[in-house]
Every structure is written in C-alpha cells, then in structure tokens.
C-alpha cells in the first residue's frame, strides 16, 4: 500500500489521504467542488459537478492515471432533484467511458457543498 501525495493534488483538510494505491488500484477520497487554487466553491450544481470532477482528474493524473481508467464512482448529492443536472455534467466529463456508479442523496455535505465525488481507478 502506498499513499500518493504530490503538490499537484488538492490538499486534504482532515485526517485522510487524497489517494492510496494498492495492487495497482487507486482509491480516491471524496472530492468537494472547491477550487484548490482559490479555495472558492461555485454556486450552481453544474459548476460544482465540473469542479469536483476536475479535482478527481487532477488527483488521477498526479497518481499516474486518467479518467478513462475509473472503475467506479460514488456521487453524493444534497438533493435527489439535482440528479439530472449532475448526470448531464458527469456524462460530458466521461464521454463514452461508463464507470460503475452510485448516486447517493444525502441531507447536507461539508461547507454547504451540493456534491461530493469519490472514485476507484486503475493506475
């Protein structure tokens, strides 16, 4: 098991690793839609989905992988009514690649985020 950590990844704010590799599989912690450079969070669900996916992609790239190697995604949303817009942005991000996926409605996410995304990928 190896903790993957580079300056190119968004920094974790808690007691966790952004990415752990084990036997060629990458386990990414959930990513909120916070821009790592500005520390700002977009307002709309579309923009938040895009930012969370950008954060996922930055970690994948820093770990030597890419979005086409994602095996599974878990998407947490603050309201099931956001599902359609999230699905649209998710589809645009992944294109023809279709990882296994769960969308889990929750009540509240940290910092008032509307979405959080975690993935498992091949290195």
C-alpha atoms as a PDB file:
ATOM      1  CA  UNK A   1       0.000   0.000   0.000  1.00  0.00           C
ATOM      2  CA  UNK A   2       1.298   3.456  -0.897  1.00  0.00           C
ATOM      3  CA  UNK A   3      -0.074   6.885  -0.085  1.00  0.00           C
ATOM      4  CA  UNK A   4       0.062   9.008  -3.229  1.00  0.00           C
ATOM      5  CA  UNK A   5       0.669  12.666  -2.472  1.00  0.00           C
ATOM      6  CA  UNK A   6       2.026  15.326  -4.798  1.00  0.00           C
ATOM      7  CA  UNK A   7       1.911  19.138  -4.859  1.00  0.00           C
ATOM      8  CA  UNK A   8      -0.408  18.835  -7.898  1.00  0.00           C
ATOM      9  CA  UNK A   9      -3.221  17.383  -5.771  1.00  0.00           C
ATOM     10  CA  UNK A  10      -5.725  19.435  -3.809  1.00  0.00           C
ATOM     11  CA  UNK A  11      -4.632  19.374  -0.157  1.00  0.00           C
ATOM     12  CA  UNK A  12      -6.685  17.338   2.315  1.00  0.00           C
ATOM     13  CA  UNK A  13      -8.179  19.296   5.184  1.00  0.00           C
ATOM     14  CA  UNK A  14      -8.696  16.373   7.530  1.00  0.00           C
ATOM     15  CA  UNK A  15      -7.061  13.180   8.730  1.00  0.00           C
ATOM     16  CA  UNK A  16      -7.120  11.299   5.419  1.00  0.00           C
ATOM     17  CA  UNK A  17      -5.108  10.742   2.259  1.00  0.00           C
ATOM     18  CA  UNK A  18      -6.336  12.040  -1.079  1.00  0.00           C
ATOM     19  CA  UNK A  19      -5.243   8.832  -2.802  1.00  0.00           C
ATOM     20  CA  UNK A  20      -3.987   5.399  -1.795  1.00  0.00           C
ATOM     21  CA  UNK A  21      -2.643   2.853  -4.280  1.00  0.00           C
ATOM     22  CA  UNK A  22      -2.826  -0.856  -3.543  1.00  0.00           C
ATOM     23  CA  UNK A  23      -2.009  -3.575  -6.097  1.00  0.00           C
ATOM     24  CA  UNK A  24      -2.427  -1.135  -8.989  1.00  0.00           C
ATOM     25  CA  UNK A  25      -5.796   0.193  -7.818  1.00  0.00           C
ATOM     26  CA  UNK A  26      -6.220   3.835  -6.809  1.00  0.00           C
ATOM     27  CA  UNK A  27      -8.686   4.727  -4.067  1.00  0.00           C
ATOM     28  CA  UNK A  28      -9.526   8.433  -4.085  1.00  0.00           C
ATOM     29  CA  UNK A  29     -11.125  10.215  -1.170  1.00  0.00           C
ATOM     30  CA  UNK A  30     -14.309  12.145  -1.829  1.00  0.00           C
ATOM     31  CA  UNK A  31     -13.742  15.431  -3.607  1.00  0.00           C
ATOM     32  CA  UNK A  32     -15.767  18.512  -2.835  1.00  0.00           C
ATOM     33  CA  UNK A  33     -16.241  21.192  -5.506  1.00  0.00           C
ATOM     34  CA  UNK A  34     -13.635  23.553  -4.064  1.00  0.00           C
ATOM     35  CA  UNK A  35     -11.121  25.119  -6.422  1.00  0.00           C
ATOM     36  CA  UNK A  36      -7.712  24.232  -4.917  1.00  0.00           C
ATOM     37  CA  UNK A  37      -6.141  27.500  -6.115  1.00  0.00           C
ATOM     38  CA  UNK A  38      -8.810  29.972  -4.964  1.00  0.00           C
ATOM     39  CA  UNK A  39     -10.465  27.900  -2.200  1.00  0.00           C
ATOM     40  CA  UNK A  40     -13.804  29.035  -3.656  1.00  0.00           C
ATOM     41  CA  UNK A  41     -16.848  26.877  -4.368  1.00  0.00           C
ATOM     42  CA  UNK A  42     -19.080  27.572  -7.388  1.00  0.00           C
ATOM     43  CA  UNK A  43     -22.760  28.290  -6.740  1.00  0.00           C
ATOM     44  CA  UNK A  44     -24.603  26.067  -9.253  1.00  0.00           C
ATOM     45  CA  UNK A  45     -24.793  22.288  -9.266  1.00  0.00           C
ATOM     46  CA  UNK A  46     -23.443  22.201 -12.833  1.00  0.00           C
ATOM     47  CA  UNK A  47     -20.368  24.228 -11.902  1.00  0.00           C
ATOM     48  CA  UNK A  48     -19.907  22.295  -8.642  1.00  0.00           C
ATOM     49  CA  UNK A  49     -20.079  18.980 -10.511  1.00  0.00           C
ATOM     50  CA  UNK A  50     -17.498  20.215 -13.008  1.00  0.00           C
ATOM     51  CA  UNK A  51     -15.168  21.373 -10.217  1.00  0.00           C
ATOM     52  CA  UNK A  52     -15.453  18.148  -8.212  1.00  0.00           C
ATOM     53  CA  UNK A  53     -14.676  16.163 -11.383  1.00  0.00           C
ATOM     54  CA  UNK A  54     -11.699  18.445 -12.139  1.00  0.00           C
ATOM     55  CA  UNK A  55     -10.390  17.715  -8.637  1.00  0.00           C
ATOM     56  CA  UNK A  56     -10.814  13.973  -9.227  1.00  0.00           C
ATOM     57  CA  UNK A  57      -8.995  14.256 -12.555  1.00  0.00           C
ATOM     58  CA  UNK A  58      -6.113  16.237 -11.016  1.00  0.00           C
ATOM     59  CA  UNK A  59      -5.564  13.515  -8.419  1.00  0.00           C
ATOM     60  CA  UNK A  60      -5.813  10.737 -11.016  1.00  0.00           C
ATOM     61  CA  UNK A  61      -3.268  12.490 -13.239  1.00  0.00           C
ATOM     62  CA  UNK A  62      -0.898  13.134 -10.341  1.00  0.00           C
ATOM     63  CA  UNK A  63      -1.147   9.435  -9.413  1.00  0.00           C
ATOM     64  CA  UNK A  64      -0.293   8.310 -12.959  1.00  0.00           C
ATOM     65  CA  UNK A  65      -3.812   7.501 -14.113  1.00  0.00           C
ATOM     66  CA  UNK A  66      -6.613   9.186 -16.058  1.00  0.00           C
ATOM     67  CA  UNK A  67     -10.394   9.404 -16.081  1.00  0.00           C
ATOM     68  CA  UNK A  68     -10.717   6.606 -18.654  1.00  0.00           C
ATOM     69  CA  UNK A  69      -9.306   4.226 -16.021  1.00  0.00           C
ATOM     70  CA  UNK A  70     -12.009   4.920 -13.436  1.00  0.00           C
ATOM     71  CA  UNK A  71     -13.697   1.675 -12.404  1.00  0.00           C
ATOM     72  CA  UNK A  72     -16.336   3.030 -10.053  1.00  0.00           C
ATOM     73  CA  UNK A  73     -17.684   6.390  -8.923  1.00  0.00           C
ATOM     74  CA  UNK A  74     -19.739   7.267  -5.888  1.00  0.00           C
ATOM     75  CA  UNK A  75     -21.538  10.578  -6.168  1.00  0.00           C
ATOM     76  CA  UNK A  76     -23.125  12.154  -3.105  1.00  0.00           C
ATOM     77  CA  UNK A  77     -25.671  14.898  -3.731  1.00  0.00           C
ATOM     78  CA  UNK A  78     -27.526  17.086  -1.244  1.00  0.00           C
ATOM     79  CA  UNK A  79     -30.884  16.674  -3.010  1.00  0.00           C
ATOM     80  CA  UNK A  80     -32.155  13.969  -5.385  1.00  0.00           C
ATOM     81  CA  UNK A  81     -33.676  16.745  -7.515  1.00  0.00           C
ATOM     82  CA  UNK A  82     -30.084  17.535  -8.641  1.00  0.00           C
ATOM     83  CA  UNK A  83     -29.688  14.095 -10.263  1.00  0.00           C
ATOM     84  CA  UNK A  84     -30.480  15.115 -13.861  1.00  0.00           C
ATOM     85  CA  UNK A  85     -28.052  18.055 -13.938  1.00  0.00           C
ATOM     86  CA  UNK A  86     -25.318  16.009 -12.241  1.00  0.00           C
ATOM     87  CA  UNK A  87     -25.841  13.149 -14.692  1.00  0.00           C
ATOM     88  CA  UNK A  88     -25.558  15.574 -17.631  1.00  0.00           C
ATOM     89  CA  UNK A  89     -22.240  17.079 -16.428  1.00  0.00           C
ATOM     90  CA  UNK A  90     -20.910  13.628 -15.451  1.00  0.00           C
ATOM     91  CA  UNK A  91     -21.744  12.276 -18.938  1.00  0.00           C
ATOM     92  CA  UNK A  92     -19.944  15.195 -20.595  1.00  0.00           C
ATOM     93  CA  UNK A  93     -16.872  14.621 -18.416  1.00  0.00           C
ATOM     94  CA  UNK A  94     -16.580  10.858 -19.012  1.00  0.00           C
ATOM     95  CA  UNK A  95     -17.798  10.764 -22.630  1.00  0.00           C
ATOM     96  CA  UNK A  96     -18.016   7.170 -23.893  1.00  0.00           C
ATOM     97  CA  UNK A  97     -16.413   5.751 -20.737  1.00  0.00           C
ATOM     98  CA  UNK A  98     -19.069   4.500 -18.308  1.00  0.00           C
ATOM     99  CA  UNK A  99     -17.666   3.543 -14.889  1.00  0.00           C
ATOM    100  CA  UNK A 100     -19.911   1.684 -12.464  1.00  0.00           C
ATOM    101  CA  UNK A 101     -21.656   4.390 -10.435  1.00  0.00           C
ATOM    102  CA  UNK A 102     -23.857   5.091  -7.459  1.00  0.00           C
ATOM    103  CA  UNK A 103     -25.576   8.404  -6.813  1.00  0.00           C
ATOM    104  CA  UNK A 104     -26.440   8.759  -3.164  1.00  0.00           C
ATOM    105  CA  UNK A 105     -28.736  11.549  -1.984  1.00  0.00           C
ATOM    106  CA  UNK A 106     -27.738  12.953   1.403  1.00  0.00           C
ATOM    107  CA  UNK A 107     -29.064  15.770   3.503  1.00  0.00           C
ATOM    108  CA  UNK A 108     -26.023  18.004   3.890  1.00  0.00           C
ATOM    109  CA  UNK A 109     -22.423  17.962   2.716  1.00  0.00           C
ATOM    110  CA  UNK A 110     -19.440  19.723   4.260  1.00  0.00           C
ATOM    111  CA  UNK A 111     -19.119  23.503   3.707  1.00  0.00           C
ATOM    112  CA  UNK A 112     -22.620  23.557   2.169  1.00  0.00           C
ATOM    113  CA  UNK A 113     -21.466  21.759  -0.991  1.00  0.00           C
ATOM    114  CA  UNK A 114     -24.141  20.282  -3.240  1.00  0.00           C
ATOM    115  CA  UNK A 115     -21.954  17.368  -4.396  1.00  0.00           C
ATOM    116  CA  UNK A 116     -19.005  15.172  -3.403  1.00  0.00           C
ATOM    117  CA  UNK A 117     -17.402  12.569  -5.707  1.00  0.00           C
ATOM    118  CA  UNK A 118     -15.105   9.657  -4.898  1.00  0.00           C
ATOM    119  CA  UNK A 119     -13.685   7.145  -7.348  1.00  0.00           C
ATOM    120  CA  UNK A 120     -11.727   3.919  -7.621  1.00  0.00           C
ATOM    121  CA  UNK A 121      -9.426   3.612 -10.648  1.00  0.00           C
ATOM    122  CA  UNK A 122      -6.652   1.582 -12.214  1.00  0.00           C
ATOM    123  CA  UNK A 123      -3.200   3.156 -12.004  1.00  0.00           C
END
